[in-house]
Structures are given as structure tokens and as C-alpha cells.
Amino acid sequence: MTSSISPLMKKWRYQIFTVTWLAYFAMYFCRKNYSVVMPVMNRELHTSKEEFAIVITVYSIMYMLGQFLSGYLSDRKGARLIVGIGLVISVVANFFMGWAGTVGSFIFLMSLNGLGQSSGWSGLIKNMTPWYRKEERGVVMSFWTTCYVIGGIAATAFATYWISDQYFLPDLAWKRAFFMPAILVFAIALIYIVFTRNKPEDVGLESFEEASSTDEKMSNKDAQLAVLKNGAVWIAAVMYFFVKFTRYAFLFWLPLYLSEALKYSDAQAGYTSIAYEAIGFFGILAAGFGSDYLFKSRRFPIAALMLFGLAAALFIQPHLSTLGLVPTIISIGLIGFFTYGPDSIMSGAAAMDMGKDQGAALAAGVINGVGSAGQLLSPMVVAFVSDKYGWDALFEMFVVVALIAAILVLFKWNYGKEKE
């Protein structure tokens, strides 16, 4: 029970929650800016959709491979070190992207950025796991995982401001959308490194580790092998492949879709795209509270229900977008709501439950790493389908993708029930 938690533990839990939340929130400022700059680069540098796809694909490869490596290293070396290094790498890459002007330079720097960004999720999930009990994680992580949706919103608005501002260093134009995030994230990286700790034992407190007498002495190696042998981890990972395929299509391509298909201005496309993450925020909370209070800390049922909702939202989007700006915002928001709910609960609380203290980073790394293969596939598919068949055809494809993901998690509907 939380009533038995000491004042010192409460203080450290608030501090760890805040600092780790802030760290992942910051990562989006060095990630989301590229998609906002894409329409400007398309006009001024004549960068084609195929070239954008190549850059995003290379980024995604490094991000995907880095997930597995970061998960392993965070379990072995500690999240504080690995995430701290990752933040600094991302800052350096973004700073130099402000000077880049060729596709080749963006390919190299975005690959470096992908490697740095890959340390964040698995490392920070690892960082959070020892500080909270299983029965708390659905609700706690529903609030914690708002870091990436709020980060996405703030990062989009921040980058959009810097591509349109006419007063501060106007000669740098779109390059400011790389310089300014790099400065901000560097400051937050310092805060993270100074104020976080890996586990309660580091400050003389007892762990909440859910260990039985048989696995109490489990080594790191055995704990990581247990994660790799857990079928639920791989079901979650394959589901996440399809979810991340969809989510990253919207993250990277939504402003260009709004600009090209619906003829919105650069600023209107940038700000309208925020609806996806703004309403997604409430999907995260709904998934967390639903898993803890409706399904007794089981994560798979709420994910399945929301994925069926996602399929319905994707189906109606092309029809609503013809009715004007407000229906478009509503449809984009619904897609965000039903995407971010299962995305957050399965990559967050579910990974923590399945990996526990010793294997949480690897569980999160496997789920996010396999998911990142979907992210990797996404740009080429989006570029091909939108060019050959039109933007509306993408939404028809995404309906099928969402249904596959929903059916997958149905197979583990009762996972965790036997442990109650």
C-alpha cells in the first residue's frame, strides 16, 4: 500500500517521476522538428518525398537497432548513464543539422540522432520500474507516458514557431528549428544527469521488487533470458510493430499530408497536426486508468478494445476531412486517442510488469525495438502508397493494420490474471 511509503521515498518518487518525464519530453524536441521542417525543405531545397523517406528510414534503422542495445545496456550499466549519453548524442546531431543542406548530411546526422534517441524509452522505463509497484503502474505510467504526447505537441509548436518567426535571427530561417531544440535539450540533459538515480537502493531505500523466494536471487542474465522466453513480450512486440507503423506515419507525414492533400498553409498544417497528440493525451490516461481499475492491472484487454476503436476512427477519417477544418481536427484527434492508448500501455506498464526490476529495460527494448521495425517500414510505404494511390488509400491500409494488431492482443486477454 502507498500509505506505508516513507516521506523520503515519496520525495524521491516525485523527483524520479519528474526528471525522467522531462527527459523523454525533451527528446521529442530533437525528433519532431524534422517533420515540421519537411514542407519548407521540399520547397527551398527541392527535397523529394523519396529523399525524405530515405532519411527517415535510416533514422528508423538506427533507432530500431539502438532499442535492443540500449535495453541491454540499461539493465547492465544503469539507465542514468545510458540515457544521459543518448541525450547528448541527440543534441550534437541536431545542432549540426542546422548547418546541413544536403540529403547525404541529413542521412548521417539523422542516423546519429536515431542512435541517441533510442536510449530514451527503454532506459527511462528501466529508471521508473524499481520505484513503483505493479498495482500502481497503470495509473502512474498513464501520467508518465504523457511525456511523449505532450513532448510531441510542444516540440511541434516549438519547431513551427521557429520556421515562421520573422524577428529573432531571421536569416537562419528554418535552421533555427534545429538549433533552438538542441539548446533546450542540452539544458534538460544536464538536469536529468544531476537529479536522477537508478533505483531506491542508490539512496539507501528498499526496493519494491516483486520477487518470490525462488527468483529473489535471479541474476541479470537469467532475468533477461526470462524476458526473451516470455511469449507475451513477443505478442506485445508484434502488436507494437503495427501500432508504431501507424503512429510514425502520422508523426512524420501528417503536416505534409495536410499541406499537400488538404491544401493547408505551412503554419496551419503544423498547428492542425497537434490535434493528433493533443487528443492522444487523453487516450493515454484512458488506457492507464482502464487497465488498473477495469481490468485489475491487466494491460492486454484495454489495448485490444482501443485498437478496434482505432480501426473505426481510421475508416471515417477520409470522409470527415472533406467537411472542413473542425471535422478534420476531430478525426485526427480520434485517431490519436485510439493510437496513443495501446501504444503507451503496452510499451510502458506492460513492459514493466513483464520485465520487472531486472529485465524491464530489455522488455521495453524488445517491444520498442520490434515496434521500430514498423517505424522503419512506414516511410517507404507512405511515400509509395500516397504517390501511386493517393493519401486516402493510406487510411484504408491503416484500418487493416489496426485490426491485425487488435486481434493479436486478444490472444493474451487474460495475461496477468493468473498472477492475481
Protein backbone atom coordinates (compact mmCIF):
# COMPACT_ATOMS: atom_id res chain seq x y z
CA MET A 1 0.00 0.00 0.00
CA THR A 2 1.20 3.53 -0.76
CA SER A 3 0.34 4.54 2.85
CA SER A 4 3.40 2.59 4.03
CA ILE A 5 5.75 4.61 1.86
CA SER A 6 8.16 6.75 3.83
CA PRO A 7 8.37 10.54 3.29
CA LEU A 8 11.86 10.13 1.85
CA MET A 9 10.64 7.52 -0.65
CA LYS A 10 7.76 9.80 -1.64
CA LYS A 11 10.20 12.66 -2.22
CA TRP A 12 12.42 10.51 -4.42
CA ARG A 13 9.46 9.08 -6.33
CA TYR A 14 8.25 12.59 -7.19
CA GLN A 15 11.76 13.57 -8.20
CA ILE A 16 12.38 10.47 -10.35
CA PHE A 17 8.96 10.79 -11.98
CA THR A 18 9.52 14.46 -12.81
CA VAL A 19 13.08 14.17 -14.05
CA THR A 20 12.52 11.06 -16.19
CA TRP A 21 9.29 12.54 -17.59
CA LEU A 22 11.17 15.69 -18.50
CA ALA A 23 13.98 13.71 -20.15
CA TYR A 24 11.67 11.90 -22.57
CA PHE A 25 9.58 15.03 -23.12
CA ALA A 26 12.80 16.75 -24.21
CA MET A 27 13.75 14.04 -26.68
CA TYR A 28 10.82 14.97 -28.90
CA PHE A 29 12.23 18.44 -29.45
CA CYS A 30 15.16 16.84 -31.27
CA ARG A 31 12.91 14.33 -33.05
CA LYS A 32 9.67 16.02 -34.15
CA ASN A 33 11.35 19.10 -35.61
CA TYR A 34 12.43 17.29 -38.77
CA SER A 35 8.84 16.53 -39.83
CA VAL A 36 7.82 20.17 -39.30
CA VAL A 37 10.70 21.39 -41.48
CA MET A 38 9.91 18.89 -44.27
CA PRO A 39 7.42 21.11 -46.21
CA VAL A 40 9.92 24.01 -46.15
CA MET A 41 12.78 21.77 -47.30
CA ASN A 42 10.53 20.42 -50.03
CA ARG A 43 10.15 23.96 -51.42
CA GLU A 44 13.52 25.53 -50.69
CA LEU A 45 15.90 22.57 -51.06
CA HIS A 46 13.66 20.67 -53.53
CA THR A 47 13.85 17.57 -51.35
CA SER A 48 11.53 14.89 -52.74
CA LYS A 49 9.27 12.55 -50.79
CA GLU A 50 11.55 9.68 -51.74
CA GLU A 51 14.55 11.53 -50.27
CA PHE A 52 12.58 12.30 -47.12
CA ALA A 53 11.72 8.62 -46.92
CA ILE A 54 15.38 7.62 -47.18
CA VAL A 55 16.39 9.99 -44.36
CA ILE A 56 13.53 8.82 -42.12
CA THR A 57 14.27 5.18 -42.93
CA VAL A 58 17.94 5.49 -41.97
CA TYR A 59 16.92 7.26 -38.77
CA SER A 60 14.46 4.45 -38.07
CA ILE A 61 17.07 1.71 -38.65
CA MET A 62 19.40 3.25 -36.10
CA TYR A 63 16.52 3.84 -33.70
CA MET A 64 15.36 0.24 -34.05
CA LEU A 65 18.79 -1.34 -33.57
CA GLY A 66 19.58 1.06 -30.76
CA GLN A 67 16.48 -0.05 -28.84
CA PHE A 68 17.82 -3.57 -28.37
CA LEU A 69 21.29 -2.31 -27.47
CA SER A 70 20.02 0.38 -25.11
CA GLY A 71 17.67 -2.05 -23.36
CA TYR A 72 20.52 -4.48 -22.75
CA LEU A 73 22.95 -1.78 -21.63
CA SER A 74 20.44 0.00 -19.37
CA ASP A 75 19.77 -3.27 -17.50
CA ARG A 76 23.52 -3.88 -17.17
CA LYS A 77 25.03 -0.40 -16.72
CA GLY A 78 22.12 1.65 -15.40
CA ALA A 79 19.70 3.99 -17.12
CA ARG A 80 21.26 7.19 -15.83
CA LEU A 81 24.46 6.65 -17.80
CA ILE A 82 22.91 5.29 -20.99
CA VAL A 83 20.10 7.85 -21.25
CA GLY A 84 22.47 10.69 -20.39
CA ILE A 85 24.79 9.71 -23.23
CA GLY A 86 21.85 9.34 -25.61
CA LEU A 87 20.55 12.83 -24.85
CA VAL A 88 23.94 14.38 -25.55
CA ILE A 89 24.28 12.47 -28.86
CA SER A 90 20.87 13.73 -29.99
CA VAL A 91 21.78 17.32 -29.06
CA VAL A 92 25.01 17.18 -31.10
CA ALA A 93 23.25 15.69 -34.13
CA ASN A 94 20.53 18.35 -34.12
CA PHE A 95 22.99 21.20 -33.72
CA PHE A 96 24.86 20.12 -36.84
CA MET A 97 21.59 19.52 -38.75
CA GLY A 98 21.15 23.27 -38.53
CA TRP A 99 24.19 23.59 -40.78
CA ALA A 100 23.24 20.73 -43.11
CA GLY A 101 21.97 21.37 -46.61
CA THR A 102 22.29 18.07 -48.46
CA VAL A 103 20.45 14.78 -48.29
CA GLY A 104 23.71 12.98 -47.51
CA SER A 105 24.44 15.13 -44.48
CA PHE A 106 20.90 14.68 -43.18
CA ILE A 107 21.18 10.91 -43.61
CA PHE A 108 24.33 10.81 -41.47
CA LEU A 109 23.09 13.20 -38.79
CA MET A 110 19.61 11.68 -38.55
CA SER A 111 21.19 8.23 -38.15
CA LEU A 112 23.26 9.62 -35.28
CA ASN A 113 20.12 11.23 -33.89
CA GLY A 114 18.29 7.89 -34.09
CA LEU A 115 21.01 6.20 -32.07
CA GLY A 116 20.84 8.86 -29.37
CA GLN A 117 17.04 8.85 -29.30
CA SER A 118 16.94 5.05 -28.95
CA SER A 119 18.33 5.23 -25.42
CA GLY A 120 15.31 7.06 -24.09
CA TRP A 121 12.34 4.74 -23.82
CA SER A 122 13.88 1.51 -22.59
CA GLY A 123 16.27 3.37 -20.30
CA LEU A 124 13.61 5.54 -18.71
CA ILE A 125 11.17 2.65 -18.31
CA LYS A 126 14.02 0.88 -16.51
CA ASN A 127 14.59 4.03 -14.44
CA MET A 128 10.94 4.14 -13.33
CA THR A 129 10.35 0.43 -12.67
CA PRO A 130 12.02 -0.02 -9.24
CA TRP A 131 10.21 3.00 -7.80
CA TYR A 132 6.60 1.74 -8.27
CA ARG A 133 4.59 -1.42 -7.50
CA LYS A 134 2.70 -3.34 -10.17
CA GLU A 135 -0.75 -2.31 -8.89
CA GLU A 136 0.22 1.35 -9.23
CA ARG A 137 1.83 1.22 -12.65
CA GLY A 138 -1.21 1.50 -14.90
CA VAL A 139 -2.26 4.84 -13.44
CA VAL A 140 1.26 6.10 -12.69
CA MET A 141 2.52 5.24 -16.15
CA SER A 142 -0.58 6.69 -17.80
CA PHE A 143 0.51 10.04 -16.38
CA TRP A 144 4.20 9.36 -17.00
CA THR A 145 3.76 8.33 -20.63
CA THR A 146 2.09 11.66 -21.37
CA CYS A 147 5.73 12.77 -21.70
CA TYR A 148 5.82 11.71 -25.31
CA VAL A 149 2.44 13.06 -26.33
CA ILE A 150 2.96 16.41 -24.57
CA GLY A 151 6.53 16.40 -25.83
CA GLY A 152 5.26 15.86 -29.36
CA ILE A 153 2.76 18.70 -29.06
CA ALA A 154 5.26 21.11 -27.53
CA ALA A 155 8.00 20.12 -29.96
CA THR A 156 5.72 20.59 -32.97
CA ALA A 157 4.61 24.02 -31.78
CA PHE A 158 8.20 24.96 -30.91
CA ALA A 159 9.56 23.97 -34.32
CA THR A 160 6.60 25.53 -36.14
CA TYR A 161 7.28 28.80 -34.35
CA TRP A 162 10.93 28.80 -35.40
CA ILE A 163 10.18 28.15 -39.08
CA SER A 164 7.74 31.07 -39.17
CA ASP A 165 9.21 33.67 -36.75
CA GLN A 166 10.44 36.78 -38.55
CA TYR A 167 12.17 38.59 -35.69
CA PHE A 168 14.88 36.55 -33.94
CA LEU A 169 17.81 35.67 -36.22
CA PRO A 170 15.55 35.62 -39.31
CA ASP A 171 18.50 34.95 -41.63
CA LEU A 172 18.81 31.46 -40.14
CA ALA A 173 15.19 30.73 -41.19
CA TRP A 174 14.33 27.00 -40.87
CA LYS A 175 17.75 26.19 -39.42
CA ARG A 176 16.53 27.64 -36.11
CA ALA A 177 14.17 24.65 -35.82
CA PHE A 178 17.30 22.54 -35.24
CA PHE A 179 19.46 24.98 -33.25
CA MET A 180 16.87 26.02 -30.67
CA PRO A 181 15.73 22.49 -29.74
CA ALA A 182 19.39 21.44 -29.36
CA ILE A 183 19.98 24.22 -26.83
CA LEU A 184 16.83 23.37 -24.87
CA VAL A 185 17.50 19.63 -24.76
CA PHE A 186 21.09 20.12 -23.64
CA ALA A 187 19.84 22.03 -20.57
CA ILE A 188 17.34 19.27 -19.76
CA ALA A 189 20.02 16.59 -20.24
CA LEU A 190 22.08 18.24 -17.51
CA ILE A 191 19.05 18.27 -15.20
CA TYR A 192 18.44 14.57 -15.82
CA ILE A 193 22.04 13.54 -15.17
CA VAL A 194 22.28 15.53 -11.95
CA PHE A 195 18.92 14.69 -10.36
CA THR A 196 18.05 11.11 -11.32
CA ARG A 197 19.08 7.85 -9.63
CA ASN A 198 18.76 4.31 -10.98
CA LYS A 199 16.97 2.65 -8.05
CA PRO A 200 15.89 3.20 -4.42
CA GLU A 201 18.94 1.33 -3.11
CA ASP A 202 21.16 4.08 -4.56
CA VAL A 203 19.82 6.47 -1.92
CA GLY A 204 19.57 3.97 0.94
CA LEU A 205 15.93 2.95 0.40
CA GLU A 206 14.38 -0.51 -0.02
CA SER A 207 13.20 -1.75 -3.41
CA PHE A 208 9.61 -2.61 -4.35
CA GLU A 209 10.88 -5.56 -6.42
CA GLU A 210 8.23 -8.23 -6.88
CA ALA A 211 10.48 -11.22 -6.30
CA SER A 212 9.38 -14.56 -4.95
CA SER A 213 11.63 -16.78 -2.87
CA THR A 214 12.52 -18.77 -5.99
CA ASP A 215 13.62 -15.85 -8.15
CA GLU A 216 14.89 -13.49 -5.48
CA LYS A 217 18.50 -14.31 -6.33
CA MET A 218 17.99 -14.32 -10.10
CA SER A 219 20.99 -12.96 -11.94
CA ASN A 220 20.74 -10.25 -14.57
CA LYS A 221 21.46 -12.83 -17.25
CA ASP A 222 18.69 -15.16 -16.05
CA ALA A 223 16.24 -12.27 -15.74
CA GLN A 224 16.97 -11.20 -19.31
CA LEU A 225 16.61 -14.78 -20.59
CA ALA A 226 13.22 -14.97 -18.85
CA VAL A 227 12.12 -11.86 -20.73
CA LEU A 228 13.21 -13.34 -24.07
CA LYS A 229 11.32 -16.58 -23.35
CA ASN A 230 8.09 -14.81 -22.39
CA GLY A 231 5.56 -15.24 -25.20
CA ALA A 232 3.52 -12.25 -24.02
CA VAL A 233 6.53 -10.00 -24.61
CA TRP A 234 6.69 -11.09 -28.23
CA ILE A 235 2.92 -10.74 -28.75
CA ALA A 236 3.18 -7.21 -27.39
CA ALA A 237 6.21 -6.57 -29.60
CA VAL A 238 4.50 -7.70 -32.81
CA MET A 239 1.39 -5.70 -31.90
CA TYR A 240 3.66 -2.73 -31.36
CA PHE A 241 5.15 -3.23 -34.83
CA PHE A 242 1.74 -2.40 -36.31
CA VAL A 243 0.95 0.40 -33.86
CA LYS A 244 4.28 2.11 -34.39
CA PHE A 245 3.96 1.66 -38.16
CA THR A 246 0.80 3.77 -37.92
CA ARG A 247 1.93 6.25 -35.26
CA TYR A 248 5.15 7.20 -37.02
CA ALA A 249 3.37 7.61 -40.32
CA PHE A 250 1.29 10.31 -38.64
CA LEU A 251 4.20 11.79 -36.68
CA PHE A 252 6.40 12.30 -39.73
CA TRP A 253 3.92 12.74 -42.57
CA LEU A 254 0.82 14.43 -41.12
CA PRO A 255 1.97 18.03 -41.80
CA LEU A 256 2.87 17.13 -45.40
CA TYR A 257 -0.47 15.31 -45.85
CA LEU A 258 -2.39 18.35 -44.60
CA SER A 259 -0.34 20.63 -46.84
CA GLU A 260 -0.46 18.51 -50.00
CA ALA A 261 -3.83 16.75 -49.83
CA LEU A 262 -5.92 19.35 -47.98
CA LYS A 263 -4.00 22.44 -49.19
CA TYR A 264 -3.28 23.88 -45.74
CA SER A 265 -0.56 26.52 -45.27
CA ASP A 266 2.71 25.53 -43.54
CA ALA A 267 1.64 27.09 -40.23
CA GLN A 268 -1.93 25.73 -40.46
CA ALA A 269 -0.63 22.23 -41.26
CA GLY A 270 1.84 22.37 -38.37
CA TYR A 271 -0.66 23.56 -35.79
CA THR A 272 -3.53 21.34 -37.02
CA SER A 273 -1.33 18.26 -36.72
CA ILE A 274 -1.06 18.94 -32.98
CA ALA A 275 -4.62 17.56 -32.59
CA TYR A 276 -3.24 14.06 -33.13
CA GLU A 277 -1.13 14.23 -30.00
CA ALA A 278 -3.36 16.61 -28.02
CA ILE A 279 -6.30 14.18 -28.02
CA GLY A 280 -3.86 11.28 -27.82
CA PHE A 281 -3.02 12.58 -24.34
CA PHE A 282 -6.49 11.57 -23.13
CA GLY A 283 -6.14 8.16 -24.78
CA ILE A 284 -3.05 7.52 -22.65
CA LEU A 285 -4.95 8.36 -19.45
CA ALA A 286 -7.93 6.25 -20.50
CA ALA A 287 -5.70 3.23 -21.14
CA GLY A 288 -3.89 3.54 -17.81
CA PHE A 289 -6.96 4.00 -15.65
CA GLY A 290 -8.88 1.36 -17.61
CA SER A 291 -6.16 -1.24 -17.18
CA ASP A 292 -5.84 -0.72 -13.42
CA TYR A 293 -9.48 -0.15 -12.44
CA LEU A 294 -11.50 -2.06 -15.06
CA PHE A 295 -9.13 -4.95 -15.74
CA LYS A 296 -7.23 -5.24 -12.41
CA SER A 297 -3.82 -4.22 -13.79
CA ARG A 298 -4.12 -6.36 -16.93
CA ARG A 299 -2.89 -4.42 -19.96
CA PHE A 300 -3.92 -6.52 -22.95
CA PRO A 301 -7.75 -6.07 -22.73
CA ILE A 302 -7.72 -2.28 -22.84
CA ALA A 303 -5.22 -2.37 -25.71
CA ALA A 304 -7.48 -4.67 -27.74
CA LEU A 305 -10.57 -2.51 -27.24
CA MET A 306 -8.78 0.68 -28.18
CA LEU A 307 -7.22 -0.87 -31.28
CA PHE A 308 -10.69 -1.79 -32.58
CA GLY A 309 -11.62 1.84 -31.91
CA LEU A 310 -8.57 2.93 -33.91
CA ALA A 311 -9.69 0.90 -36.92
CA ALA A 312 -13.09 2.66 -36.81
CA ALA A 313 -11.50 6.12 -36.48
CA LEU A 314 -9.17 5.49 -39.42
CA PHE A 315 -12.10 4.31 -41.53
CA ILE A 316 -14.11 7.52 -41.08
CA GLN A 317 -11.20 9.98 -41.39
CA PRO A 318 -11.20 10.44 -45.21
CA HIS A 319 -14.93 11.17 -45.07
CA LEU A 320 -14.71 13.71 -42.23
CA SER A 321 -11.75 15.56 -43.79
CA THR A 322 -13.93 16.65 -46.73
CA LEU A 323 -16.26 18.54 -44.37
CA GLY A 324 -13.79 21.23 -43.28
CA LEU A 325 -11.19 22.12 -40.67
CA VAL A 326 -13.12 21.24 -37.50
CA PRO A 327 -14.17 17.73 -38.66
CA THR A 328 -10.58 17.15 -39.78
CA ILE A 329 -9.28 18.10 -36.33
CA ILE A 330 -11.87 15.78 -34.72
CA SER A 331 -10.94 12.85 -36.94
CA ILE A 332 -7.20 13.35 -36.40
CA GLY A 333 -7.83 13.64 -32.66
CA LEU A 334 -9.82 10.38 -32.55
CA ILE A 335 -7.02 8.58 -34.37
CA GLY A 336 -4.57 9.97 -31.84
CA PHE A 337 -6.77 8.90 -28.89
CA PHE A 338 -7.02 5.30 -30.03
CA THR A 339 -3.37 5.11 -31.12
CA TYR A 340 -1.70 6.52 -28.03
CA GLY A 341 -3.74 4.45 -25.56
CA PRO A 342 -2.49 0.99 -26.59
CA ASP A 343 0.87 2.44 -27.60
CA SER A 344 1.57 3.78 -24.11
CA ILE A 345 0.13 0.95 -22.02
CA MET A 346 1.91 -1.85 -23.89
CA SER A 347 5.29 -0.14 -24.19
CA GLY A 348 5.14 1.24 -20.65
CA ALA A 349 3.27 -0.51 -17.82
CA ALA A 350 3.07 -3.85 -19.66
CA ALA A 351 6.84 -3.87 -20.29
CA MET A 352 7.46 -3.07 -16.63
CA ASP A 353 5.15 -5.90 -15.50
CA MET A 354 6.73 -8.47 -17.81
CA GLY A 355 10.35 -7.45 -17.22
CA LYS A 356 10.20 -6.49 -13.52
CA ASP A 357 13.14 -4.72 -11.90
CA GLN A 358 15.96 -6.69 -13.52
CA GLY A 359 14.57 -7.07 -17.04
CA ALA A 360 12.34 -4.04 -17.54
CA ALA A 361 14.73 -2.27 -19.91
CA LEU A 362 15.13 -5.38 -22.09
CA ALA A 363 11.37 -5.97 -22.18
CA ALA A 364 10.81 -2.35 -23.17
CA GLY A 365 13.71 -2.58 -25.63
CA VAL A 366 12.32 -5.71 -27.31
CA ILE A 367 8.80 -4.29 -27.57
CA ASN A 368 10.00 -0.92 -28.80
CA GLY A 369 12.72 -2.46 -30.97
CA VAL A 370 10.31 -4.72 -32.86
CA GLY A 371 7.89 -1.81 -32.95
CA SER A 372 10.61 0.29 -34.52
CA ALA A 373 10.77 -2.17 -37.41
CA GLY A 374 7.26 -0.91 -38.17
CA GLN A 375 8.55 2.62 -37.86
CA LEU A 376 11.33 1.66 -40.29
CA LEU A 377 8.91 0.26 -42.85
CA SER A 378 6.50 3.15 -42.53
CA PRO A 379 8.15 5.95 -44.57
CA MET A 380 8.72 3.92 -47.73
CA VAL A 381 5.17 2.56 -47.62
CA VAL A 382 3.70 6.02 -47.05
CA ALA A 383 5.73 7.55 -49.89
CA PHE A 384 4.82 4.71 -52.29
CA VAL A 385 1.10 4.46 -51.48
CA SER A 386 0.48 8.21 -51.36
CA ASP A 387 2.22 8.73 -54.72
CA LYS A 388 0.70 5.76 -56.51
CA TYR A 389 -2.78 5.50 -54.99
CA GLY A 390 -3.37 8.77 -53.12
CA TRP A 391 -3.48 9.78 -49.48
CA ASP A 392 -6.94 8.30 -48.82
CA ALA A 393 -5.64 4.84 -49.73
CA LEU A 394 -3.25 5.07 -46.78
CA PHE A 395 -6.15 5.28 -44.36
CA GLU A 396 -7.73 2.16 -45.85
CA MET A 397 -4.43 0.34 -45.34
CA PHE A 398 -4.16 1.59 -41.75
CA VAL A 399 -7.63 0.18 -40.97
CA VAL A 400 -6.35 -3.30 -41.82
CA VAL A 401 -3.17 -2.74 -39.81
CA ALA A 402 -5.15 -1.70 -36.72
CA LEU A 403 -7.42 -4.76 -36.97
CA ILE A 404 -4.41 -7.11 -37.15
CA ALA A 405 -2.93 -5.50 -34.03
CA ALA A 406 -6.25 -5.78 -32.17
CA ILE A 407 -6.63 -9.47 -32.99
CA LEU A 408 -3.07 -10.19 -31.84
CA VAL A 409 -3.58 -8.81 -28.33
CA LEU A 410 -6.87 -10.67 -27.98
CA PHE A 411 -4.79 -13.86 -27.65
CA LYS A 412 -3.35 -12.56 -24.36
CA TRP A 413 -6.57 -11.07 -22.99
CA ASN A 414 -6.17 -12.84 -19.64
CA TYR A 415 -2.41 -12.36 -19.26
CA GLY A 416 -1.65 -11.44 -15.66
CA LYS A 417 -4.94 -12.76 -14.32
CA GLU A 418 -3.39 -16.00 -13.10
CA LYS A 419 -0.91 -13.99 -11.00
CA GLU A 420 -3.54 -12.11 -9.01
